[in-house]
Amino acid sequence: MPSIYRKLPMLVVLVLSASLQPIPAFAQSPGVSALKGQYAFLLKGVITTPGIASRATVAVGSFTADGQGNITSGEMDFTSAAETFQAVPITGTYTFEGAGGILNLTSTKGTESFAYFTTYSYLPAGTSYDSGTLVETDGGPVVSSGSFYQQVPGYFNGVDEFGFWKTALTGETFVSKGTPSPIFVAGGLFLDTSGGATIYFSLTGRVGSGTPESLGWSLQTGQVDKDGRMALSGNGFTLNMAAYVIDQLHILVISTDPPQVNPLMSGTITRD
């Protein structure tokens, strides 16, 4: 028998085997199910109300999307010249329209609406957005924009380990310092858990809105909560901040002191 015929059964087996392999999930246009899980966000904006000398605002927080159009839980911190509030619970709703949609966040302070955008018009089936941008659309006294990032809850307790981090913050001074001026802060942080549950941050470098200077900040906090939030407070001086963990390498942070006490600041803390 010619060798070609002896090989046919094997070829038939290979063809059948290939035809029985799982078919990969094709990319598809996502719906509300593409926004699912926990997301940390950072917003920077301005107050449009006349008569307020310092107009900058910052907000940081976390929301949980259920993949069905509902924000089931979360919390938010907000700082401005007009008011500050910390760890306010939030819920809400969201829609899908193309590569993004409308996100409504509701708290005891009211409802804020944002258009959100992502870089994906199509996603593999069963996957969700990992990041996006936000712009406020509700027409209220605050206008803001920013970004959101999918959080990894498994890393919430992973940040409390020895190591060097770096930070970059921007903001402005308040009327207590005269005319509001921009401020820029950058430096290195050493995270030290030798004190049990206490975490210490020491800022080793700073550039302000004038002569560069050095400043050591020692901040302490307790545990990270279910939304990835930890409150940082000054050790021996007045300085308070709120931080939300994205993952083991990235943290979002803002200052939470009243405007008469410390400058408004916001930015990131990243692992070296």
Protein backbone atom coordinates (compact mmCIF):
# COMPACT_ATOMS: atom_id res chain seq x y z
CA MET A 1 0.00 0.00 0.00
CA PRO A 2 1.37 3.45 -0.91
CA SER A 3 2.64 5.32 2.14
CA ILE A 4 0.22 8.18 1.55
CA TYR A 5 -2.73 5.93 2.39
CA ARG A 6 -1.06 4.67 5.55
CA LYS A 7 -0.82 8.31 6.71
CA LEU A 8 -4.47 9.17 6.05
CA PRO A 9 -5.85 7.80 9.36
CA MET A 10 -3.37 9.92 11.29
CA LEU A 11 -4.31 12.98 9.26
CA VAL A 12 -7.99 12.35 9.99
CA VAL A 13 -7.22 12.13 13.74
CA LEU A 14 -5.27 15.39 13.67
CA VAL A 15 -8.04 17.20 11.81
CA LEU A 16 -10.69 15.92 14.23
CA SER A 17 -8.51 16.81 17.22
CA ALA A 18 -8.01 20.34 15.97
CA SER A 19 -11.71 20.76 15.35
CA LEU A 20 -12.48 19.78 18.96
CA GLN A 21 -10.17 22.41 20.53
CA PRO A 22 -11.91 25.24 22.47
CA ILE A 23 -12.72 28.22 20.30
CA PRO A 24 -11.19 31.40 21.76
CA ALA A 25 -13.56 34.15 22.86
CA PHE A 26 -13.60 36.85 20.21
CA ALA A 27 -13.40 40.54 21.03
CA GLN A 28 -16.81 42.09 21.24
CA SER A 29 -18.37 45.49 21.79
CA PRO A 30 -18.60 45.76 25.61
CA GLY A 31 -21.70 46.72 27.54
CA VAL A 32 -22.14 47.71 31.18
CA SER A 33 -20.57 44.37 32.11
CA ALA A 34 -17.19 45.74 30.99
CA LEU A 35 -17.13 48.09 33.99
CA LYS A 36 -16.94 45.61 36.84
CA GLY A 37 -14.90 45.43 40.03
CA GLN A 38 -13.22 47.99 42.28
CA TYR A 39 -11.75 51.18 40.81
CA ALA A 40 -9.72 53.95 42.46
CA PHE A 41 -10.03 57.46 41.04
CA LEU A 42 -8.34 60.84 41.33
CA LEU A 43 -10.04 64.07 40.22
CA LYS A 44 -8.66 67.60 39.94
CA GLY A 45 -10.86 70.59 39.29
CA VAL A 46 -11.93 74.13 40.12
CA ILE A 47 -14.77 75.82 41.98
CA THR A 48 -16.81 78.05 39.70
CA THR A 49 -18.61 79.82 42.55
CA PRO A 50 -17.69 83.54 42.57
CA GLY A 51 -15.94 84.99 45.60
CA ILE A 52 -13.78 82.01 46.58
CA ALA A 53 -10.14 83.04 46.48
CA SER A 54 -8.66 79.55 46.12
CA ARG A 55 -10.46 77.75 43.33
CA ALA A 56 -8.68 74.39 43.08
CA THR A 57 -10.35 71.15 44.20
CA VAL A 58 -9.13 67.58 44.53
CA ALA A 59 -10.98 64.32 45.18
CA VAL A 60 -9.84 60.75 45.60
CA GLY A 61 -11.87 57.63 46.20
CA SER A 62 -12.96 54.17 45.20
CA PHE A 63 -16.15 52.73 43.71
CA THR A 64 -17.34 49.18 43.12
CA ALA A 65 -19.22 48.46 39.87
CA ASP A 66 -21.36 45.31 39.71
CA GLY A 67 -21.24 44.86 35.91
CA GLN A 68 -24.99 45.55 35.68
CA GLY A 69 -25.06 49.34 35.81
CA ASN A 70 -24.90 49.83 39.58
CA ILE A 71 -22.24 51.32 41.86
CA THR A 72 -22.86 49.19 44.93
CA SER A 73 -20.35 50.73 47.36
CA GLY A 74 -17.33 52.96 47.74
CA GLU A 75 -16.07 56.08 49.48
CA MET A 76 -14.57 59.44 48.60
CA ASP A 77 -12.40 62.22 50.09
CA PHE A 78 -12.68 65.81 48.87
CA THR A 79 -10.64 68.97 49.57
CA SER A 80 -11.31 72.54 48.43
CA ALA A 81 -11.30 76.12 49.67
CA ALA A 82 -15.01 75.84 50.41
CA GLU A 83 -15.09 72.56 52.37
CA THR A 84 -13.37 69.26 53.05
CA PHE A 85 -14.85 65.86 53.83
CA GLN A 86 -13.35 62.44 54.37
CA ALA A 87 -14.40 58.85 53.70
CA VAL A 88 -17.95 59.72 52.60
CA PRO A 89 -19.80 56.55 51.43
CA ILE A 90 -20.85 56.56 47.76
CA THR A 91 -23.21 54.53 45.57
CA GLY A 92 -24.55 55.24 42.11
CA THR A 93 -25.33 54.05 38.60
CA TYR A 94 -23.64 53.96 35.21
CA THR A 95 -24.50 53.40 31.57
CA PHE A 96 -22.61 52.27 28.48
CA GLU A 97 -22.32 54.33 25.31
CA GLY A 98 -19.59 53.25 22.92
CA ALA A 99 -16.14 53.12 24.54
CA GLY A 100 -17.43 54.56 27.79
CA GLY A 101 -20.63 56.01 29.20
CA ILE A 102 -22.08 58.04 32.06
CA LEU A 103 -21.11 57.48 35.70
CA ASN A 104 -23.25 58.92 38.53
CA LEU A 105 -21.76 58.96 42.05
CA THR A 106 -24.15 59.70 44.92
CA SER A 107 -23.28 60.56 48.52
CA THR A 108 -24.76 62.64 51.34
CA LYS A 109 -23.24 65.62 49.49
CA GLY A 110 -25.39 65.01 46.42
CA THR A 111 -24.93 63.37 43.01
CA GLU A 112 -22.05 64.08 40.66
CA SER A 113 -22.22 62.95 37.03
CA PHE A 114 -19.25 62.15 34.83
CA ALA A 115 -18.69 61.05 31.27
CA TYR A 116 -16.15 58.23 31.31
CA PHE A 117 -13.95 57.15 28.44
CA THR A 118 -11.72 54.16 27.82
CA THR A 119 -9.27 53.21 25.09
CA TYR A 120 -11.22 50.10 24.15
CA SER A 121 -14.11 49.95 21.70
CA TYR A 122 -13.85 46.15 21.82
CA LEU A 123 -12.83 43.80 24.62
CA PRO A 124 -12.27 40.05 24.84
CA ALA A 125 -15.42 38.42 26.15
CA GLY A 126 -15.52 38.21 29.93
CA THR A 127 -12.93 40.93 30.57
CA SER A 128 -13.42 44.38 32.12
CA TYR A 129 -11.95 47.83 31.80
CA ASP A 130 -8.65 48.32 33.61
CA SER A 131 -8.59 52.14 33.43
CA GLY A 132 -10.25 55.18 31.95
CA THR A 133 -10.75 58.92 32.21
CA LEU A 134 -13.53 61.03 33.74
CA VAL A 135 -14.89 64.52 33.09
CA GLU A 136 -17.65 66.10 35.20
CA THR A 137 -20.87 66.92 33.35
CA ASP A 138 -23.44 67.75 36.05
CA GLY A 139 -23.18 71.55 35.80
CA GLY A 140 -22.58 71.99 39.55
CA PRO A 141 -20.25 74.47 41.26
CA VAL A 142 -17.28 72.10 40.86
CA VAL A 143 -15.88 71.15 37.45
CA SER A 144 -13.30 68.37 37.49
CA SER A 145 -11.61 65.66 35.45
CA GLY A 146 -9.28 62.77 36.17
CA SER A 147 -8.66 59.06 35.81
CA PHE A 148 -9.78 55.76 37.31
CA TYR A 149 -7.83 52.51 37.68
CA GLN A 150 -8.93 48.96 38.47
CA GLN A 151 -7.82 48.02 41.96
CA VAL A 152 -6.35 44.71 43.06
CA PRO A 153 -7.85 44.04 46.53
CA GLY A 154 -5.39 41.21 47.14
CA TYR A 155 -2.62 43.82 47.34
CA PHE A 156 -4.34 46.08 49.89
CA ASN A 157 -2.33 44.48 52.68
CA GLY A 158 0.73 44.05 50.49
CA VAL A 159 1.77 47.70 50.76
CA ASP A 160 2.78 47.39 54.41
CA GLU A 161 6.26 46.14 53.78
CA PHE A 162 9.74 47.63 53.94
CA GLY A 163 10.83 49.50 50.88
CA PHE A 164 11.43 52.78 49.10
CA TRP A 165 8.66 54.62 47.31
CA LYS A 166 8.57 57.94 45.45
CA THR A 167 5.93 60.63 45.32
CA ALA A 168 4.95 63.51 43.05
CA LEU A 169 2.30 66.00 44.22
CA THR A 170 0.94 69.22 42.75
CA GLY A 171 -1.50 71.79 44.09
CA GLU A 172 -1.77 75.31 45.41
CA THR A 173 -1.38 77.31 48.59
CA PHE A 174 -4.47 78.84 50.16
CA VAL A 175 -5.40 82.39 51.18
CA SER A 176 -3.65 81.91 54.54
CA LYS A 177 -0.42 82.25 52.53
CA GLY A 178 -1.61 85.30 50.58
CA THR A 179 -2.55 85.05 46.92
CA PRO A 180 -2.97 81.37 45.97
CA SER A 181 0.19 80.11 44.32
CA PRO A 182 1.08 76.77 42.69
CA ILE A 183 3.05 74.28 44.73
CA PHE A 184 5.05 71.27 43.54
CA VAL A 185 6.26 68.50 45.81
CA ALA A 186 8.46 65.56 44.91
CA GLY A 187 10.59 63.22 46.95
CA GLY A 188 11.43 59.79 48.23
CA LEU A 189 9.50 57.84 50.81
CA PHE A 190 10.58 55.02 53.04
CA LEU A 191 7.77 52.78 54.18
CA ASP A 192 8.55 51.18 57.52
CA THR A 193 6.28 48.76 59.36
CA SER A 194 8.59 48.13 62.30
CA GLY A 195 6.03 49.79 64.55
CA GLY A 196 3.41 47.08 64.07
CA ALA A 197 0.39 48.32 62.13
CA THR A 198 1.82 51.83 61.86
CA ILE A 199 3.24 52.88 58.51
CA TYR A 200 5.78 55.69 58.38
CA PHE A 201 6.48 57.86 55.36
CA SER A 202 9.46 60.22 55.40
CA LEU A 203 9.58 62.71 52.56
CA THR A 204 13.22 63.48 51.86
CA GLY A 205 12.94 66.13 49.16
CA ARG A 206 10.65 68.97 48.19
CA VAL A 207 10.42 71.68 45.55
CA GLY A 208 7.88 74.38 46.32
CA SER A 209 6.60 77.44 44.46
CA GLY A 210 9.83 79.29 45.22
CA THR A 211 13.24 78.38 46.58
CA PRO A 212 13.84 74.60 46.62
CA GLU A 213 14.03 73.23 50.13
CA SER A 214 14.26 69.99 52.04
CA LEU A 215 11.55 68.83 54.36
CA GLY A 216 11.09 65.64 56.35
CA TRP A 217 7.52 64.44 56.74
CA SER A 218 6.81 61.49 58.95
CA LEU A 219 3.28 60.23 58.37
CA GLN A 220 1.53 57.39 60.12
CA THR A 221 -1.61 55.42 59.40
CA GLY A 222 -3.53 52.34 60.39
CA GLN A 223 -4.83 49.48 58.27
CA VAL A 224 -6.03 49.67 54.69
CA ASP A 225 -9.82 49.27 54.52
CA LYS A 226 -11.95 47.26 52.07
CA ASP A 227 -11.94 50.13 49.54
CA GLY A 228 -8.15 50.37 49.62
CA ARG A 229 -8.24 53.58 51.70
CA MET A 230 -5.77 54.53 54.39
CA ALA A 231 -5.66 57.80 56.33
CA LEU A 232 -2.23 59.35 56.80
CA SER A 233 -1.57 61.81 59.62
CA GLY A 234 1.48 63.81 60.63
CA ASN A 235 3.61 62.56 63.50
CA GLY A 236 4.18 65.55 65.78
CA PHE A 237 2.74 68.21 63.42
CA THR A 238 -0.43 68.96 61.48
CA LEU A 239 -0.59 67.17 58.15
CA ASN A 240 -3.38 64.84 57.05
CA MET A 241 -3.80 62.95 53.80
CA ALA A 242 -6.02 60.24 52.33
CA ALA A 243 -4.54 57.52 50.12
CA TYR A 244 -6.15 54.78 48.03
CA VAL A 245 -4.20 51.71 46.99
CA ILE A 246 -4.47 50.62 43.37
CA ASP A 247 -2.07 47.69 43.59
CA GLN A 248 1.26 46.80 45.14
CA LEU A 249 3.06 49.50 43.15
CA HIS A 250 0.64 52.44 42.90
CA ILE A 251 -1.23 54.65 45.39
CA LEU A 252 -3.35 57.80 44.83
CA VAL A 253 -3.17 60.50 47.51
CA ILE A 254 -4.60 63.94 48.40
CA SER A 255 -4.29 66.31 51.34
CA THR A 256 -7.36 66.55 53.58
CA ASP A 257 -6.58 69.49 55.87
CA PRO A 258 -8.81 72.59 55.85
CA PRO A 259 -7.54 75.34 53.55
CA GLN A 260 -6.42 77.55 56.45
CA VAL A 261 -4.00 74.85 57.66
CA ASN A 262 -2.05 73.34 54.77
CA PRO A 263 -1.80 73.61 50.95
CA LEU A 264 -4.05 71.56 48.72
CA MET A 265 -2.02 68.71 47.22
CA SER A 266 -2.72 65.59 45.19
CA GLY A 267 -0.75 63.04 43.20
CA THR A 268 0.72 59.57 43.28
CA ILE A 269 2.96 57.37 45.39
CA THR A 270 4.73 54.65 43.42
CA ARG A 271 7.03 51.82 44.40
CA ASP A 272 10.68 51.93 43.34
